[in-house]
Protein backbone atom coordinates (compact mmCIF):
# COMPACT_ATOMS: atom_id res chain seq x y z
CA UNK A 1 0.00 0.00 0.00
CA UNK A 2 1.53 3.31 -1.12
CA UNK A 3 0.85 6.94 -0.37
CA UNK A 4 -1.45 7.28 -3.37
CA UNK A 5 -3.63 4.51 -1.93
CA UNK A 6 -3.88 6.31 1.42
CA UNK A 7 -4.63 9.77 0.00
CA UNK A 8 -8.41 9.32 -0.58
CA UNK A 9 -8.88 8.34 3.09
CA UNK A 10 -6.81 11.26 4.41
CA UNK A 11 -8.53 13.99 6.42
CA UNK A 12 -6.39 16.52 4.57
CA UNK A 13 -7.08 15.23 1.05
CA UNK A 14 -9.81 16.42 -1.33
CA UNK A 15 -11.22 12.90 -1.81
CA UNK A 16 -10.33 12.95 -5.52
CA UNK A 17 -11.95 16.33 -6.20
CA UNK A 18 -10.21 19.32 -7.73
CA UNK A 19 -9.80 22.44 -5.58
CA UNK A 20 -12.04 25.40 -6.40
CA UNK A 21 -10.53 28.07 -8.59
CA UNK A 22 -9.92 31.36 -6.79
CA UNK A 23 -11.61 34.47 -8.20
CA UNK A 24 -8.29 36.14 -9.04
CA UNK A 25 -7.17 33.11 -11.07
CA UNK A 26 -10.19 33.14 -13.38
CA UNK A 27 -9.81 34.56 -16.87
CA UNK A 28 -12.76 36.89 -16.19
CA UNK A 29 -10.83 38.59 -13.36
CA UNK A 30 -9.45 41.98 -14.35
CA UNK A 31 -8.13 43.09 -10.96
CA UNK A 32 -4.42 42.80 -11.80
CA UNK A 33 -4.96 44.07 -15.34
CA UNK A 34 -6.90 47.14 -14.19
CA UNK A 35 -4.49 47.83 -11.36
CA UNK A 36 -1.53 47.89 -13.73
CA UNK A 37 -3.28 50.50 -15.90
CA UNK A 38 -5.15 52.83 -13.55
CA UNK A 39 -4.02 51.68 -10.08
CA UNK A 40 -7.59 50.76 -9.04
CA UNK A 41 -7.63 48.83 -6.81
CA UNK A 42 -4.30 49.87 -5.37
CA UNK A 43 -2.59 46.50 -4.89
CA UNK A 44 0.94 47.79 -5.23
CA UNK A 45 3.27 47.05 -2.41
CA UNK A 46 5.32 49.51 -0.48
CA UNK A 47 9.07 49.40 -1.19
CA UNK A 48 11.01 46.93 0.89
CA UNK A 49 13.28 48.24 3.61
CA UNK A 50 15.73 45.51 2.55
CA UNK A 51 16.02 46.84 -1.01
CA UNK A 52 19.50 48.06 -1.93
CA UNK A 53 18.16 50.36 -4.70
CA UNK A 54 20.36 48.72 -7.33
CA UNK A 55 23.56 48.89 -5.29
CA UNK A 56 25.78 45.83 -5.15
CA UNK A 57 26.18 44.45 -1.62
CA UNK A 58 29.70 44.12 -0.29
CA UNK A 59 31.23 40.72 -0.87
CA UNK A 60 32.53 38.59 1.95
CA UNK A 61 36.02 38.63 0.47
CA UNK A 62 36.03 42.47 0.45
CA UNK A 63 36.17 42.34 4.25
CA UNK A 64 37.72 38.98 5.27
CA UNK A 65 38.12 38.07 8.94
CA UNK A 66 41.48 38.88 10.55
C-alpha atoms as a PDB file:
ATOM      1  CA  UNK A   1       0.000   0.000   0.000  1.00  0.00           C
ATOM      2  CA  UNK A   2       1.528   3.312  -1.119  1.00  0.00           C
ATOM      3  CA  UNK A   3       0.853   6.938  -0.374  1.00  0.00           C
ATOM      4  CA  UNK A   4      -1.453   7.280  -3.373  1.00  0.00           C
ATOM      5  CA  UNK A   5      -3.630   4.512  -1.928  1.00  0.00           C
ATOM      6  CA  UNK A   6      -3.881   6.310   1.423  1.00  0.00           C
ATOM      7  CA  UNK A   7      -4.631   9.769   0.004  1.00  0.00           C
ATOM      8  CA  UNK A   8      -8.405   9.325  -0.576  1.00  0.00           C
ATOM      9  CA  UNK A   9      -8.877   8.343   3.085  1.00  0.00           C
ATOM     10  CA  UNK A  10      -6.806  11.257   4.406  1.00  0.00           C
ATOM     11  CA  UNK A  11      -8.529  13.986   6.422  1.00  0.00           C
ATOM     12  CA  UNK A  12      -6.386  16.525   4.565  1.00  0.00           C
ATOM     13  CA  UNK A  13      -7.082  15.231   1.048  1.00  0.00           C
ATOM     14  CA  UNK A  14      -9.806  16.415  -1.333  1.00  0.00           C
ATOM     15  CA  UNK A  15     -11.216  12.895  -1.808  1.00  0.00           C
ATOM     16  CA  UNK A  16     -10.331  12.952  -5.519  1.00  0.00           C
ATOM     17  CA  UNK A  17     -11.953  16.331  -6.202  1.00  0.00           C
ATOM     18  CA  UNK A  18     -10.207  19.317  -7.730  1.00  0.00           C
ATOM     19  CA  UNK A  19      -9.803  22.439  -5.580  1.00  0.00           C
ATOM     20  CA  UNK A  20     -12.045  25.402  -6.398  1.00  0.00           C
ATOM     21  CA  UNK A  21     -10.531  28.072  -8.588  1.00  0.00           C
ATOM     22  CA  UNK A  22      -9.918  31.365  -6.789  1.00  0.00           C
ATOM     23  CA  UNK A  23     -11.605  34.471  -8.197  1.00  0.00           C
ATOM     24  CA  UNK A  24      -8.288  36.135  -9.042  1.00  0.00           C
ATOM     25  CA  UNK A  25      -7.175  33.111 -11.066  1.00  0.00           C
ATOM     26  CA  UNK A  26     -10.193  33.142 -13.381  1.00  0.00           C
ATOM     27  CA  UNK A  27      -9.811  34.560 -16.874  1.00  0.00           C
ATOM     28  CA  UNK A  28     -12.758  36.891 -16.186  1.00  0.00           C
ATOM     29  CA  UNK A  29     -10.829  38.587 -13.356  1.00  0.00           C
ATOM     30  CA  UNK A  30      -9.448  41.982 -14.354  1.00  0.00           C
ATOM     31  CA  UNK A  31      -8.134  43.085 -10.963  1.00  0.00           C
ATOM     32  CA  UNK A  32      -4.424  42.801 -11.800  1.00  0.00           C
ATOM     33  CA  UNK A  33      -4.960  44.067 -15.344  1.00  0.00           C
ATOM     34  CA  UNK A  34      -6.903  47.144 -14.191  1.00  0.00           C
ATOM     35  CA  UNK A  35      -4.493  47.830 -11.359  1.00  0.00           C
ATOM     36  CA  UNK A  36      -1.533  47.894 -13.729  1.00  0.00           C
ATOM     37  CA  UNK A  37      -3.285  50.502 -15.904  1.00  0.00           C
ATOM     38  CA  UNK A  38      -5.147  52.831 -13.551  1.00  0.00           C
ATOM     39  CA  UNK A  39      -4.016  51.679 -10.079  1.00  0.00           C
ATOM     40  CA  UNK A  40      -7.589  50.758  -9.045  1.00  0.00           C
ATOM     41  CA  UNK A  41      -7.627  48.831  -6.808  1.00  0.00           C
ATOM     42  CA  UNK A  42      -4.297  49.869  -5.372  1.00  0.00           C
ATOM     43  CA  UNK A  43      -2.593  46.502  -4.886  1.00  0.00           C
ATOM     44  CA  UNK A  44       0.939  47.791  -5.232  1.00  0.00           C
ATOM     45  CA  UNK A  45       3.275  47.046  -2.407  1.00  0.00           C
ATOM     46  CA  UNK A  46       5.321  49.514  -0.482  1.00  0.00           C
ATOM     47  CA  UNK A  47       9.071  49.401  -1.187  1.00  0.00           C
ATOM     48  CA  UNK A  48      11.007  46.932   0.893  1.00  0.00           C
ATOM     49  CA  UNK A  49      13.278  48.237   3.611  1.00  0.00           C
ATOM     50  CA  UNK A  50      15.726  45.509   2.551  1.00  0.00           C
ATOM     51  CA  UNK A  51      16.020  46.840  -1.006  1.00  0.00           C
ATOM     52  CA  UNK A  52      19.497  48.056  -1.928  1.00  0.00           C
ATOM     53  CA  UNK A  53      18.164  50.357  -4.695  1.00  0.00           C
ATOM     54  CA  UNK A  54      20.361  48.721  -7.326  1.00  0.00           C
ATOM     55  CA  UNK A  55      23.558  48.885  -5.287  1.00  0.00           C
ATOM     56  CA  UNK A  56      25.779  45.826  -5.152  1.00  0.00           C
ATOM     57  CA  UNK A  57      26.183  44.448  -1.620  1.00  0.00           C
ATOM     58  CA  UNK A  58      29.697  44.118  -0.286  1.00  0.00           C
ATOM     59  CA  UNK A  59      31.227  40.724  -0.867  1.00  0.00           C
ATOM     60  CA  UNK A  60      32.532  38.586   1.947  1.00  0.00           C
ATOM     61  CA  UNK A  61      36.022  38.631   0.466  1.00  0.00           C
ATOM     62  CA  UNK A  62      36.030  42.470   0.454  1.00  0.00           C
ATOM     63  CA  UNK A  63      36.170  42.338   4.251  1.00  0.00           C
ATOM     64  CA  UNK A  64      37.724  38.979   5.272  1.00  0.00           C
ATOM     65  CA  UNK A  65      38.123  38.070   8.937  1.00  0.00           C
ATOM     66  CA  UNK A  66      41.481  38.877  10.545  1.00  0.00           C
END
